[in-house]
Amino acid sequence: MDDFVDPIFFIDCFRATYAGVIPCITDKSQWPEVNKGFKLQPPTCKPREVERQRKNRIPSALEKGKNKSKLKRQVNCNLCGGTGHRSGSSKCPLIGLKKRKRNPKNKTKLGRKKSKKDVVD
């Protein structure tokens, strides 16, 4: 098996790597001096103007005008194929369900009919 493993993965090589002592650098004064040949300057950028930041979202081509948020999308019903309502809505003619109107007469705050006990002379 030793023929197929690189010698760098042997234990002897691992011990030789960490056998020496790495000196600690405690301060910036111990850094070596390097001549780069130029002086690095901070980037020159324009100061940011005080204004509202640009939106991250890029509006689509279908959104026109200044009030882009008021663009309404037409919904389609899967059952009847009509527009303006979704399937299961009371507006769908195939469902035939209508919202019941609540009759506020003869109702108390609890939502039940008034009884003789509720009526006080």
PDB file of N, CA and C in Angstrom:
ATOM      1  N   MET A   1       0.821  -1.193   0.000  1.00  0.00           N
ATOM      2  CA  MET A   1       0.000   0.000   0.000  1.00  0.00           C
ATOM      3  C   MET A   1       0.870   1.264   0.000  1.00  0.00           C
ATOM      4  N   ASP A   2       2.075   1.148   0.510  1.00  0.00           N
ATOM      5  CA  ASP A   2       2.969   2.307   0.567  1.00  0.00           C
ATOM      6  C   ASP A   2       3.344   2.816  -0.828  1.00  0.00           C
ATOM      7  N   ASP A   3       3.238   1.945  -1.826  1.00  0.00           N
ATOM      8  CA  ASP A   3       3.573   2.364  -3.183  1.00  0.00           C
ATOM      9  C   ASP A   3       2.552   3.357  -3.742  1.00  0.00           C
ATOM     10  N   PHE A   4       1.312   3.291  -3.259  1.00  0.00           N
ATOM     11  CA  PHE A   4       0.239   4.120  -3.807  1.00  0.00           C
ATOM     12  C   PHE A   4       0.006   5.410  -3.020  1.00  0.00           C
ATOM     13  N   VAL A   5       0.617   5.542  -1.859  1.00  0.00           N
ATOM     14  CA  VAL A   5       0.423   6.725  -1.018  1.00  0.00           C
ATOM     15  C   VAL A   5       1.628   7.648  -1.180  1.00  0.00           C
ATOM     16  N   ASP A   6       1.373   8.925  -1.341  1.00  0.00           N
ATOM     17  CA  ASP A   6       2.434   9.913  -1.481  1.00  0.00           C
ATOM     18  C   ASP A   6       3.174  10.049  -0.154  1.00  0.00           C
ATOM     19  N   PRO A   7       4.503  10.213  -0.168  1.00  0.00           N
ATOM     20  CA  PRO A   7       5.260  10.300   1.094  1.00  0.00           C
ATOM     21  C   PRO A   7       4.899  11.502   1.956  1.00  0.00           C
ATOM     22  N   ILE A   8       4.238  12.490   1.384  1.00  0.00           N
ATOM     23  CA  ILE A   8       3.873  13.667   2.192  1.00  0.00           C
ATOM     24  C   ILE A   8       2.815  13.327   3.248  1.00  0.00           C
ATOM     25  N   PHE A   9       2.094  12.229   3.058  1.00  0.00           N
ATOM     26  CA  PHE A   9       1.050  11.845   4.004  1.00  0.00           C
ATOM     27  C   PHE A   9       1.562  10.905   5.090  1.00  0.00           C
ATOM     28  N   PHE A  10       2.865  10.606   5.102  1.00  0.00           N
ATOM     29  CA  PHE A  10       3.422   9.736   6.140  1.00  0.00           C
ATOM     30  C   PHE A  10       3.581  10.519   7.439  1.00  0.00           C
ATOM     31  N   ILE A  11       3.641   9.792   8.533  1.00  0.00           N
ATOM     32  CA  ILE A  11       3.739  10.398   9.867  1.00  0.00           C
ATOM     33  C   ILE A  11       5.082  11.105  10.025  1.00  0.00           C
ATOM     34  N   ASP A  12       6.139  10.538   9.447  1.00  0.00           N
ATOM     35  CA  ASP A  12       7.467  11.171   9.575  1.00  0.00           C
ATOM     36  C   ASP A  12       7.479  12.569   8.953  1.00  0.00           C
ATOM     37  N   CYS A  13       6.822  12.727   7.819  1.00  0.00           N
ATOM     38  CA  CYS A  13       6.748  14.034   7.166  1.00  0.00           C
ATOM     39  C   CYS A  13       5.917  15.011   7.998  1.00  0.00           C
ATOM     40  N   PHE A  14       4.846  14.516   8.639  1.00  0.00           N
ATOM     41  CA  PHE A  14       4.010  15.356   9.499  1.00  0.00           C
ATOM     42  C   PHE A  14       4.805  15.871  10.691  1.00  0.00           C
ATOM     43  N   ARG A  15       5.589  14.974  11.312  1.00  0.00           N
ATOM     44  CA  ARG A  15       6.393  15.380  12.474  1.00  0.00           C
ATOM     45  C   ARG A  15       7.486  16.368  12.077  1.00  0.00           C
ATOM     46  N   ALA A  16       8.060  16.178  10.904  1.00  0.00           N
ATOM     47  CA  ALA A  16       9.117  17.081  10.450  1.00  0.00           C
ATOM     48  C   ALA A  16       8.552  18.480  10.160  1.00  0.00           C
ATOM     49  N   THR A  17       7.302  18.543   9.737  1.00  0.00           N
ATOM     50  CA  THR A  17       6.677  19.837   9.443  1.00  0.00           C
ATOM     51  C   THR A  17       6.537  20.674  10.706  1.00  0.00           C
ATOM     52  N   TYR A  18       6.110  20.060  11.793  1.00  0.00           N
ATOM     53  CA  TYR A  18       5.842  20.801  13.025  1.00  0.00           C
ATOM     54  C   TYR A  18       6.979  20.669  14.043  1.00  0.00           C
ATOM     55  N   ALA A  19       8.157  20.167  13.643  1.00  0.00           N
ATOM     56  CA  ALA A  19       9.279  20.004  14.567  1.00  0.00           C
ATOM     57  C   ALA A  19       9.924  21.345  14.911  1.00  0.00           C
ATOM     58  N   GLY A  20      10.002  22.232  13.942  1.00  0.00           N
ATOM     59  CA  GLY A  20      10.643  23.525  14.183  1.00  0.00           C
ATOM     60  C   GLY A  20       9.759  24.446  15.010  1.00  0.00           C
ATOM     61  N   VAL A  21      10.363  25.480  15.556  1.00  0.00           N
ATOM     62  CA  VAL A  21       9.648  26.462  16.366  1.00  0.00           C
ATOM     63  C   VAL A  21       9.350  27.669  15.485  1.00  0.00           C
ATOM     64  N   ILE A  22       8.104  28.074  15.473  1.00  0.00           N
ATOM     65  CA  ILE A  22       7.702  29.255  14.711  1.00  0.00           C
ATOM     66  C   ILE A  22       7.733  30.434  15.671  1.00  0.00           C
ATOM     67  N   PRO A  23       8.571  31.435  15.395  1.00  0.00           N
ATOM     68  CA  PRO A  23       8.664  32.558  16.339  1.00  0.00           C
ATOM     69  C   PRO A  23       7.396  33.410  16.294  1.00  0.00           C
ATOM     70  N   CYS A  24       7.018  33.917  17.445  1.00  0.00           N
ATOM     71  CA  CYS A  24       5.833  34.772  17.546  1.00  0.00           C
ATOM     72  C   CYS A  24       6.208  36.201  17.168  1.00  0.00           C
ATOM     73  N   ILE A  25       5.327  36.853  16.447  1.00  0.00           N
ATOM     74  CA  ILE A  25       5.501  38.267  16.131  1.00  0.00           C
ATOM     75  C   ILE A  25       4.504  39.012  17.000  1.00  0.00           C
ATOM     76  N   THR A  26       5.012  39.719  17.977  1.00  0.00           N
ATOM     77  CA  THR A  26       4.141  40.352  18.958  1.00  0.00           C
ATOM     78  C   THR A  26       3.736  41.761  18.577  1.00  0.00           C
ATOM     79  N   ASP A  27       4.503  42.389  17.661  1.00  0.00           N
ATOM     80  CA  ASP A  27       4.256  43.795  17.388  1.00  0.00           C
ATOM     81  C   ASP A  27       4.483  44.085  15.912  1.00  0.00           C
ATOM     82  N   LYS A  28       3.940  45.193  15.421  1.00  0.00           N
ATOM     83  CA  LYS A  28       4.123  45.599  14.033  1.00  0.00           C
ATOM     84  C   LYS A  28       5.567  45.991  13.745  1.00  0.00           C
ATOM     85  N   SER A  29       6.290  46.348  14.788  1.00  0.00           N
ATOM     86  CA  SER A  29       7.687  46.735  14.599  1.00  0.00           C
ATOM     87  C   SER A  29       8.551  45.548  14.162  1.00  0.00           C
ATOM     88  N   GLN A  30       8.108  44.344  14.381  1.00  0.00           N
ATOM     89  CA  GLN A  30       8.850  43.151  13.997  1.00  0.00           C
ATOM     90  C   GLN A  30       8.566  42.707  12.567  1.00  0.00           C
ATOM     91  N   TRP A  31       7.664  43.373  11.875  1.00  0.00           N
ATOM     92  CA  TRP A  31       7.366  43.032  10.486  1.00  0.00           C
ATOM     93  C   TRP A  31       8.566  43.372   9.610  1.00  0.00           C
ATOM     94  N   PRO A  32       8.828  42.577   8.581  1.00  0.00           N
ATOM     95  CA  PRO A  32       9.941  42.914   7.689  1.00  0.00           C
ATOM     96  C   PRO A  32       9.573  44.071   6.770  1.00  0.00           C
ATOM     97  N   GLU A  33      10.559  44.919   6.468  1.00  0.00           N
ATOM     98  CA  GLU A  33      10.346  46.060   5.582  1.00  0.00           C
ATOM     99  C   GLU A  33      10.430  45.585   4.135  1.00  0.00           C
ATOM    100  N   VAL A  34       9.416  45.949   3.329  1.00  0.00           N
ATOM    101  CA  VAL A  34       9.373  45.549   1.934  1.00  0.00           C
ATOM    102  C   VAL A  34       9.207  46.810   1.102  1.00  0.00           C
ATOM    103  N   ASN A  35      10.015  46.951   0.052  1.00  0.00           N
ATOM    104  CA  ASN A  35       9.903  48.088  -0.838  1.00  0.00           C
ATOM    105  C   ASN A  35       8.977  47.691  -1.994  1.00  0.00           C
ATOM    106  N   LYS A  36       7.793  48.283  -2.021  1.00  0.00           N
ATOM    107  CA  LYS A  36       6.810  47.947  -3.062  1.00  0.00           C
ATOM    108  C   LYS A  36       7.037  48.735  -4.341  1.00  0.00           C
ATOM    109  N   GLY A  37       7.709  49.837  -4.279  1.00  0.00           N
ATOM    110  CA  GLY A  37       7.954  50.655  -5.455  1.00  0.00           C
ATOM    111  C   GLY A  37       6.854  51.672  -5.708  1.00  0.00           C
ATOM    112  N   PHE A  38       5.833  51.677  -4.933  1.00  0.00           N
ATOM    113  CA  PHE A  38       4.746  52.657  -5.076  1.00  0.00           C
ATOM    114  C   PHE A  38       4.072  52.803  -3.721  1.00  0.00           C
ATOM    115  N   LYS A  39       3.309  53.883  -3.582  1.00  0.00           N
ATOM    116  CA  LYS A  39       2.551  54.099  -2.356  1.00  0.00           C
ATOM    117  C   LYS A  39       1.078  53.895  -2.667  1.00  0.00           C
ATOM    118  N   LEU A  40       0.455  53.040  -1.925  1.00  0.00           N
ATOM    119  CA  LEU A  40      -0.945  52.716  -2.147  1.00  0.00           C
ATOM    120  C   LEU A  40      -1.822  53.792  -1.514  1.00  0.00           C
ATOM    121  N   GLN A  41      -2.685  54.417  -2.322  1.00  0.00           N
ATOM    122  CA  GLN A  41      -3.584  55.471  -1.868  1.00  0.00           C
ATOM    123  C   GLN A  41      -5.005  54.914  -1.753  1.00  0.00           C
ATOM    124  N   PRO A  42      -5.827  55.507  -0.894  1.00  0.00           N
ATOM    125  CA  PRO A  42      -7.218  55.059  -0.814  1.00  0.00           C
ATOM    126  C   PRO A  42      -7.958  55.419  -2.087  1.00  0.00           C
ATOM    127  N   PRO A  43      -9.005  54.676  -2.430  1.00  0.00           N
ATOM    128  CA  PRO A  43      -9.729  54.964  -3.668  1.00  0.00           C
ATOM    129  C   PRO A  43     -10.429  56.319  -3.602  1.00  0.00           C
ATOM    130  N   THR A  44     -10.440  56.992  -4.736  1.00  0.00           N
ATOM    131  CA  THR A  44     -11.141  58.262  -4.808  1.00  0.00           C
ATOM    132  C   THR A  44     -12.546  57.996  -5.330  1.00  0.00           C
ATOM    133  N   CYS A  45     -13.528  58.204  -4.487  1.00  0.00           N
ATOM    134  CA  CYS A  45     -14.916  57.984  -4.896  1.00  0.00           C
ATOM    135  C   CYS A  45     -15.717  59.236  -4.564  1.00  0.00           C
ATOM    136  N   LYS A  46     -16.782  59.410  -5.312  1.00  0.00           N
ATOM    137  CA  LYS A  46     -17.628  60.574  -5.104  1.00  0.00           C
ATOM    138  C   LYS A  46     -18.377  60.427  -3.782  1.00  0.00           C
ATOM    139  N   PRO A  47     -18.577  61.528  -3.083  1.00  0.00           N
ATOM    140  CA  PRO A  47     -19.387  61.420  -1.867  1.00  0.00           C
ATOM    141  C   PRO A  47     -20.831  61.104  -2.234  1.00  0.00           C
ATOM    142  N   ARG A  48     -21.436  60.275  -1.461  1.00  0.00           N
ATOM    143  CA  ARG A  48     -22.810  59.869  -1.717  1.00  0.00           C
ATOM    144  C   ARG A  48     -23.755  61.036  -1.468  1.00  0.00           C
ATOM    145  N   GLU A  49     -24.647  61.253  -2.418  1.00  0.00           N
ATOM    146  CA  GLU A  49     -25.620  62.328  -2.270  1.00  0.00           C
ATOM    147  C   GLU A  49     -26.703  61.902  -1.285  1.00  0.00           C
ATOM    148  N   VAL A  50     -27.234  62.880  -0.580  1.00  0.00           N
ATOM    149  CA  VAL A  50     -28.287  62.595   0.380  1.00  0.00           C
ATOM    150  C   VAL A  50     -29.608  62.567  -0.378  1.00  0.00           C
ATOM    151  N   GLU A  51     -30.053  61.386  -0.696  1.00  0.00           N
ATOM    152  CA  GLU A  51     -31.312  61.218  -1.410  1.00  0.00           C
ATOM    153  C   GLU A  51     -31.804  59.798  -1.187  1.00  0.00           C
ATOM    154  N   ARG A  52     -32.971  59.541  -1.670  1.00  0.00           N
ATOM    155  CA  ARG A  52     -33.530  58.204  -1.549  1.00  0.00           C
ATOM    156  C   ARG A  52     -32.751  57.241  -2.444  1.00  0.00           C
ATOM    157  N   GLN A  53     -32.443  56.074  -1.894  1.00  0.00           N
ATOM    158  CA  GLN A  53     -31.631  55.109  -2.631  1.00  0.00           C
ATOM    159  C   GLN A  53     -32.437  54.456  -3.755  1.00  0.00           C
ATOM    160  N   ARG A  54     -31.745  54.021  -4.783  1.00  0.00           N
ATOM    161  CA  ARG A  54     -32.364  53.354  -5.927  1.00  0.00           C
ATOM    162  C   ARG A  54     -32.914  52.011  -5.480  1.00  0.00           C
ATOM    163  N   LYS A  55     -34.053  51.635  -6.029  1.00  0.00           N
ATOM    164  CA  LYS A  55     -34.637  50.345  -5.693  1.00  0.00           C
ATOM    165  C   LYS A  55     -33.791  49.235  -6.280  1.00  0.00           C
ATOM    166  N   ASN A  56     -33.715  48.129  -5.583  1.00  0.00           N
ATOM    167  CA  ASN A  56     -32.947  46.996  -6.087  1.00  0.00           C
ATOM    168  C   ASN A  56     -33.698  46.283  -7.202  1.00  0.00           C
ATOM    169  N   ARG A  57     -35.015  46.354  -7.180  1.00  0.00           N
ATOM    170  CA  ARG A  57     -35.811  45.656  -8.180  1.00  0.00           C
ATOM    171  C   ARG A  57     -35.853  46.469  -9.459  1.00  0.00           C
ATOM    172  N   ILE A  58     -35.612  45.801 -10.570  1.00  0.00           N
ATOM    173  CA  ILE A  58     -35.702  46.459 -11.869  1.00  0.00           C
ATOM    174  C   ILE A  58     -37.109  46.244 -12.388  1.00  0.00           C
ATOM    175  N   PRO A  59     -37.882  47.308 -12.648  1.00  0.00           N
ATOM    176  CA  PRO A  59     -39.263  47.132 -13.088  1.00  0.00           C
ATOM    177  C   PRO A  59     -39.339  46.469 -14.455  1.00  0.00           C
ATOM    178  N   SER A  60     -40.405  45.698 -14.672  1.00  0.00           N
ATOM    179  CA  SER A  60     -40.550  44.995 -15.941  1.00  0.00           C
ATOM    180  C   SER A  60     -40.989  45.960 -17.033  1.00  0.00           C
ATOM    181  N   ALA A  61     -40.949  45.500 -18.266  1.00  0.00           N
ATOM    182  CA  ALA A  61     -41.303  46.343 -19.405  1.00  0.00           C
ATOM    183  C   ALA A  61     -42.803  46.644 -19.419  1.00  0.00           C
ATOM    184  N   LEU A  62     -43.602  45.807 -18.774  1.00  0.00           N
ATOM    185  CA  LEU A  62     -45.054  46.023 -18.759  1.00  0.00           C
ATOM    186  C   LEU A  62     -45.458  47.115 -17.779  1.00  0.00           C
ATOM    187  N   GLU A  63     -44.594  47.431 -16.831  1.00  0.00           N
ATOM    188  CA  GLU A  63     -44.901  48.460 -15.848  1.00  0.00           C
ATOM    189  C   GLU A  63     -44.567  49.817 -16.451  1.00  0.00           C
ATOM    190  N   LYS A  64     -45.585  50.623 -16.662  1.00  0.00           N
ATOM    191  CA  LYS A  64     -45.381  51.933 -17.268  1.00  0.00           C
ATOM    192  C   LYS A  64     -45.836  53.018 -16.309  1.00  0.00           C
ATOM    193  N   GLY A  65     -45.325  54.197 -16.492  1.00  0.00           N
ATOM    194  CA  GLY A  65     -45.762  55.350 -15.715  1.00  0.00           C
ATOM    195  C   GLY A  65     -45.052  55.452 -14.387  1.00  0.00           C
ATOM    196  N   LYS A  66     -45.407  56.506 -13.641  1.00  0.00           N
ATOM    197  CA  LYS A  66     -44.762  56.752 -12.365  1.00  0.00           C
ATOM    198  C   LYS A  66     -45.315  55.846 -11.280  1.00  0.00           C
ATOM    199  N   ASN A  67     -46.625  55.578 -11.290  1.00  0.00           N
ATOM    200  CA  ASN A  67     -47.232  54.727 -10.269  1.00  0.00           C
ATOM    201  C   ASN A  67     -47.193  53.273 -10.744  1.00  0.00           C
ATOM    202  N   LYS A  68     -46.031  52.687 -10.619  1.00  0.00           N
ATOM    203  CA  LYS A  68     -45.853  51.321 -11.089  1.00  0.00           C
ATOM    204  C   LYS A  68     -46.503  50.322 -10.145  1.00  0.00           C
ATOM    205  N   SER A  69     -46.675  50.703  -8.883  1.00  0.00           N
ATOM    206  CA  SER A  69     -47.248  49.775  -7.916  1.00  0.00           C
ATOM    207  C   SER A  69     -48.755  49.613  -8.097  1.00  0.00           C
ATOM    208  N   LYS A  70     -49.408  50.516  -8.835  1.00  0.00           N
ATOM    209  CA  LYS A  70     -50.850  50.439  -9.016  1.00  0.00           C
ATOM    210  C   LYS A  70     -51.254  49.578 -10.211  1.00  0.00           C
ATOM    211  N   LEU A  71     -50.284  48.927 -10.841  1.00  0.00           N
ATOM    212  CA  LEU A  71     -50.569  48.060 -11.976  1.00  0.00           C
ATOM    213  C   LEU A  71     -51.300  46.827 -11.475  1.00  0.00           C
ATOM    214  N   LYS A  72     -52.507  46.566 -12.013  1.00  0.00           N
ATOM    215  CA  LYS A  72     -53.304  45.433 -11.564  1.00  0.00           C
ATOM    216  C   LYS A  72     -53.229  44.335 -12.605  1.00  0.00           C
ATOM    217  N   ARG A  73     -53.115  43.120 -12.149  1.00  0.00           N
ATOM    218  CA  ARG A  73     -53.055  41.974 -13.027  1.00  0.00           C
ATOM    219  C   ARG A  73     -54.426  41.329 -13.089  1.00  0.00           C
ATOM    220  N   GLN A  74     -54.857  40.962 -14.250  1.00  0.00           N
ATOM    221  CA  GLN A  74     -56.163  40.335 -14.429  1.00  0.00           C
ATOM    222  C   GLN A  74     -56.040  38.870 -14.060  1.00  0.00           C
ATOM    223  N   VAL A  75     -56.914  38.391 -13.171  1.00  0.00           N
ATOM    224  CA  VAL A  75     -56.902  36.982 -12.774  1.00  0.00           C
ATOM    225  C   VAL A  75     -57.941  36.223 -13.579  1.00  0.00           C
ATOM    226  N   ASN A  76     -57.691  34.944 -13.793  1.00  0.00           N
ATOM    227  CA  ASN A  76     -58.593  34.101 -14.565  1.00  0.00           C
ATOM    228  C   ASN A  76     -59.115  32.970 -13.702  1.00  0.00           C
ATOM    229  N   CYS A  77     -60.363  32.584 -13.955  1.00  0.00           N
ATOM    230  CA  CYS A  77     -60.990  31.476 -13.243  1.00  0.00           C
ATOM    231  C   CYS A  77     -60.630  30.178 -13.964  1.00  0.00           C
ATOM    232  N   ASN A  78     -60.208  29.168 -13.207  1.00  0.00           N
ATOM    233  CA  ASN A  78     -59.859  27.881 -13.806  1.00  0.00           C
ATOM    234  C   ASN A  78     -61.105  27.087 -14.211  1.00  0.00           C
ATOM    235  N   LEU A  79     -62.249  27.342 -13.579  1.00  0.00           N
ATOM    236  CA  LEU A  79     -63.457  26.563 -13.866  1.00  0.00           C
ATOM    237  C   LEU A  79     -64.190  27.068 -15.105  1.00  0.00           C
ATOM    238  N   CYS A  80     -64.523  28.348 -15.106  1.00  0.00           N
ATOM    239  CA  CYS A  80     -65.328  28.870 -16.215  1.00  0.00           C
ATOM    240  C   CYS A  80     -64.488  29.595 -17.262  1.00  0.00           C
ATOM    241  N   GLY A  81     -63.228  29.910 -16.956  1.00  0.00           N
ATOM    242  CA  GLY A  81     -62.368  30.618 -17.893  1.00  0.00           C
ATOM    243  C   GLY A  81     -62.617  32.114 -17.930  1.00  0.00           C
ATOM    244  N   GLY A  82     -63.485  32.633 -17.084  1.00  0.00           N
ATOM    245  CA  GLY A  82     -63.780  34.061 -17.043  1.00  0.00           C
ATOM    246  C   GLY A  82     -62.679  34.838 -16.360  1.00  0.00           C
ATOM    247  N   THR A  83     -62.673  36.143 -16.573  1.00  0.00           N
ATOM    248  CA  THR A  83     -61.663  36.988 -15.960  1.00  0.00           C
ATOM    249  C   THR A  83     -62.290  37.796 -14.835  1.00  0.00           C
ATOM    250  N   GLY A  84     -61.465  38.229 -13.920  1.00  0.00           N
ATOM    251  CA  GLY A  84     -61.925  39.081 -12.828  1.00  0.00           C
ATOM    252  C   GLY A  84     -62.211  38.332 -11.542  1.00  0.00           C
ATOM    253  N   HIS A  85     -62.146  37.005 -11.563  1.00  0.00           N
ATOM    254  CA  HIS A  85     -62.365  36.224 -10.345  1.00  0.00           C
ATOM    255  C   HIS A  85     -61.595  34.920 -10.455  1.00  0.00           C
ATOM    256  N   ARG A  86     -61.379  34.294  -9.316  1.00  0.00           N
ATOM    257  CA  ARG A  86     -60.691  33.007  -9.277  1.00  0.00           C
ATOM    258  C   ARG A  86     -61.701  31.897  -9.056  1.00  0.00           C
ATOM    259  N   SER A  87     -61.221  30.667  -9.215  1.00  0.00           N
ATOM    260  CA  SER A  87     -62.126  29.531  -9.003  1.00  0.00           C
ATOM    261  C   SER A  87     -62.511  29.460  -7.532  1.00  0.00           C
ATOM    262  N   GLY A  88     -63.728  29.133  -7.258  1.00  0.00           N
ATOM    263  CA  GLY A  88     -64.222  29.078  -5.887  1.00  0.00           C
ATOM    264  C   GLY A  88     -64.784  30.390  -5.402  1.00  0.00           C
ATOM    265  N   SER A  89     -64.755  31.403  -6.217  1.00  0.00           N
ATOM    266  CA  SER A  89     -65.279  32.699  -5.829  1.00  0.00           C
ATOM    267  C   SER A  89     -66.794  32.717  -6.004  1.00  0.00           C
ATOM    268  N   SER A  90     -67.454  33.602  -5.285  1.00  0.00           N
ATOM    269  CA  SER A  90     -68.905  33.720  -5.427  1.00  0.00           C
ATOM    270  C   SER A  90     -69.282  34.370  -6.754  1.00  0.00           C
ATOM    271  N   LYS A  91     -68.331  34.966  -7.443  1.00  0.00           N
ATOM    272  CA  LYS A  91     -68.607  35.592  -8.735  1.00  0.00           C
ATOM    273  C   LYS A  91     -68.629  34.577  -9.877  1.00  0.00           C
ATOM    274  N   CYS A  92     -68.154  33.367  -9.644  1.00  0.00           N
ATOM    275  CA  CYS A  92     -68.104  32.353 -10.691  1.00  0.00           C
ATOM    276  C   CYS A  92     -69.511  31.815 -10.945  1.00  0.00           C
ATOM    277  N   PRO A  93     -70.020  31.858 -12.192  1.00  0.00           N
ATOM    278  CA  PRO A  93     -71.385  31.400 -12.458  1.00  0.00           C
ATOM    279  C   PRO A  93     -71.535  29.888 -12.332  1.00  0.00           C
ATOM    280  N   LEU A  94     -70.478  29.131 -12.452  1.00  0.00           N
ATOM    281  CA  LEU A  94     -70.584  27.679 -12.353  1.00  0.00           C
ATOM    282  C   LEU A  94     -70.718  27.205 -10.917  1.00  0.00           C
ATOM    283  N   ILE A  95     -70.171  27.941  -9.986  1.00  0.00           N
ATOM    284  CA  ILE A  95     -70.255  27.559  -8.580  1.00  0.00           C
ATOM    285  C   ILE A  95     -71.669  27.809  -8.063  1.00  0.00           C
ATOM    286  N   GLY A  96     -72.193  28.973  -8.313  1.00  0.00           N
ATOM    287  CA  GLY A  96     -73.540  29.313  -7.877  1.00  0.00           C
ATOM    288  C   GLY A  96     -73.641  29.653  -6.408  1.00  0.00           C
ATOM    289  N   LEU A  97     -72.529  29.727  -5.717  1.00  0.00           N
ATOM    290  CA  LEU A  97     -72.573  30.076  -4.304  1.00  0.00           C
ATOM    291  C   LEU A  97     -72.604  31.584  -4.160  1.00  0.00           C
ATOM    292  N   LYS A  98     -73.436  32.064  -3.321  1.00  0.00           N
ATOM    293  CA  LYS A  98     -73.531  33.485  -3.038  1.00  0.00           C
ATOM    294  C   LYS A  98     -73.225  33.689  -1.569  1.00  0.00           C
ATOM    295  N   LYS A  99     -72.612  34.786  -1.264  1.00  0.00           N
ATOM    296  CA  LYS A  99     -72.391  35.107   0.137  1.00  0.00           C
ATOM    297  C   LYS A  99     -73.718  35.462   0.775  1.00  0.00           C
ATOM    298  N   ARG A 100     -73.945  34.876   1.932  1.00  0.00           N
ATOM    299  CA  ARG A 100     -75.184  35.193   2.628  1.00  0.00           C
ATOM    300  C   ARG A 100     -75.029  36.522   3.327  1.00  0.00           C
ATOM    301  N   LYS A 101     -76.046  37.325   3.238  1.00  0.00           N
ATOM    302  CA  LYS A 101     -76.041  38.599   3.942  1.00  0.00           C
ATOM    303  C   LYS A 101     -76.502  38.352   5.361  1.00  0.00           C
ATOM    304  N   ARG A 102     -75.782  38.925   6.284  1.00  0.00           N
ATOM    305  CA  ARG A 102     -76.176  38.798   7.686  1.00  0.00           C
ATOM    306  C   ARG A 102     -77.330  39.741   7.952  1.00  0.00           C
ATOM    307  N   ASN A 103     -78.312  39.243   8.608  1.00  0.00           N
ATOM    308  CA  ASN A 103     -79.446  40.054   8.992  1.00  0.00           C
ATOM    309  C   ASN A 103     -79.198  40.542  10.413  1.00  0.00           C
ATOM    310  N   PRO A 104     -78.882  41.820  10.589  1.00  0.00           N
ATOM    311  CA  PRO A 104     -78.558  42.301  11.932  1.00  0.00           C
ATOM    312  C   PRO A 104     -79.775  42.353  12.855  1.00  0.00           C
ATOM    313  N   LYS A 105     -80.977  42.211  12.305  1.00  0.00           N
ATOM    314  CA  LYS A 105     -82.170  42.249  13.143  1.00  0.00           C
ATOM    315  C   LYS A 105     -82.248  40.964  13.963  1.00  0.00           C
ATOM    316  N   ASN A 106     -82.748  41.073  15.152  1.00  0.00           N
ATOM    317  CA  ASN A 106     -82.950  39.955  16.070  1.00  0.00           C
ATOM    318  C   ASN A 106     -81.636  39.265  16.436  1.00  0.00           C
ATOM    319  N   LYS A 107     -80.549  39.977  16.424  1.00  0.00           N
ATOM    320  CA  LYS A 107     -79.256  39.395  16.810  1.00  0.00           C
ATOM    321  C   LYS A 107     -78.710  40.178  17.996  1.00  0.00           C
ATOM    322  N   THR A 108     -78.097  39.463  18.903  1.00  0.00           N
ATOM    323  CA  THR A 108     -77.422  40.116  20.019  1.00  0.00           C
ATOM    324  C   THR A 108     -75.941  40.226  19.688  1.00  0.00           C
ATOM    325  N   LYS A 109     -75.164  40.718  20.636  1.00  0.00           N
ATOM    326  CA  LYS A 109     -73.735  40.851  20.414  1.00  0.00           C
ATOM    327  C   LYS A 109     -73.061  39.493  20.262  1.00  0.00           C
ATOM    328  N   LEU A 110     -73.651  38.448  20.813  1.00  0.00           N
ATOM    329  CA  LEU A 110     -73.060  37.121  20.729  1.00  0.00           C
ATOM    330  C   LEU A 110     -73.397  36.433  19.420  1.00  0.00           C
ATOM    331  N   GLY A 111     -74.265  36.991  18.598  1.00  0.00           N
ATOM    332  CA  GLY A 111     -74.567  36.415  17.308  1.00  0.00           C
ATOM    333  C   GLY A 111     -75.707  35.416  17.344  1.00  0.00           C
ATOM    334  N   ARG A 112     -76.528  35.415  18.392  1.00  0.00           N
ATOM    335  CA  ARG A 112     -77.664  34.503  18.427  1.00  0.00           C
ATOM    336  C   ARG A 112     -78.955  35.305  18.481  1.00  0.00           C
ATOM    337  N   LYS A 113     -80.054  34.638  18.213  1.00  0.00           N
ATOM    338  CA  LYS A 113     -81.339  35.334  18.212  1.00  0.00           C
ATOM    339  C   LYS A 113     -81.727  35.727  19.621  1.00  0.00           C
ATOM    340  N   LYS A 114     -82.472  36.803  19.703  1.00  0.00           N
ATOM    341  CA  LYS A 114     -82.928  37.254  20.995  1.00  0.00           C
ATOM    342  C   LYS A 114     -83.997  36.307  21.523  1.00  0.00           C
ATOM    343  N   SER A 115     -83.919  36.022  22.770  1.00  0.00           N
ATOM    344  CA  SER A 115     -84.932  35.183  23.399  1.00  0.00           C
ATOM    345  C   SER A 115     -85.709  36.029  24.414  1.00  0.00           C
ATOM    346  N   LYS A 116     -86.669  35.419  25.041  1.00  0.00           N
ATOM    347  CA  LYS A 116     -87.474  36.140  26.025  1.00  0.00           C
ATOM    348  C   LYS A 116     -86.631  36.538  27.224  1.00  0.00           C
ATOM    349  N   LYS A 117     -85.605  35.760  27.523  1.00  0.00           N
ATOM    350  CA  LYS A 117     -84.751  36.081  28.653  1.00  0.00           C
ATOM    351  C   LYS A 117     -83.903  37.333  28.402  1.00  0.00           C
ATOM    352  N   ASP A 118     -83.530  37.544  27.111  1.00  0.00           N
ATOM    353  CA  ASP A 118     -82.712  38.707  26.770  1.00  0.00           C
ATOM    354  C   ASP A 118     -83.494  40.013  26.808  1.00  0.00           C
ATOM    355  N   VAL A 119     -84.813  39.927  26.593  1.00  0.00           N
ATOM    356  CA  VAL A 119     -85.639  41.131  26.546  1.00  0.00           C
ATOM    357  C   VAL A 119     -86.003  41.522  27.980  1.00  0.00           C
ATOM    358  N   VAL A 120     -85.608  42.720  28.373  1.00  0.00           N
ATOM    359  CA  VAL A 120     -85.891  43.192  29.723  1.00  0.00           C
ATOM    360  C   VAL A 120     -86.800  44.413  29.595  1.00  0.00           C
ATOM    361  N   ASP A 121     -87.911  44.415  30.343  1.00  0.00           N
ATOM    362  CA  ASP A 121     -88.846  45.554  30.302  1.00  0.00           C
ATOM    363  C   ASP A 121     -88.351  46.700  31.107  1.00  0.00           C
TER     364      ASP A 121
END
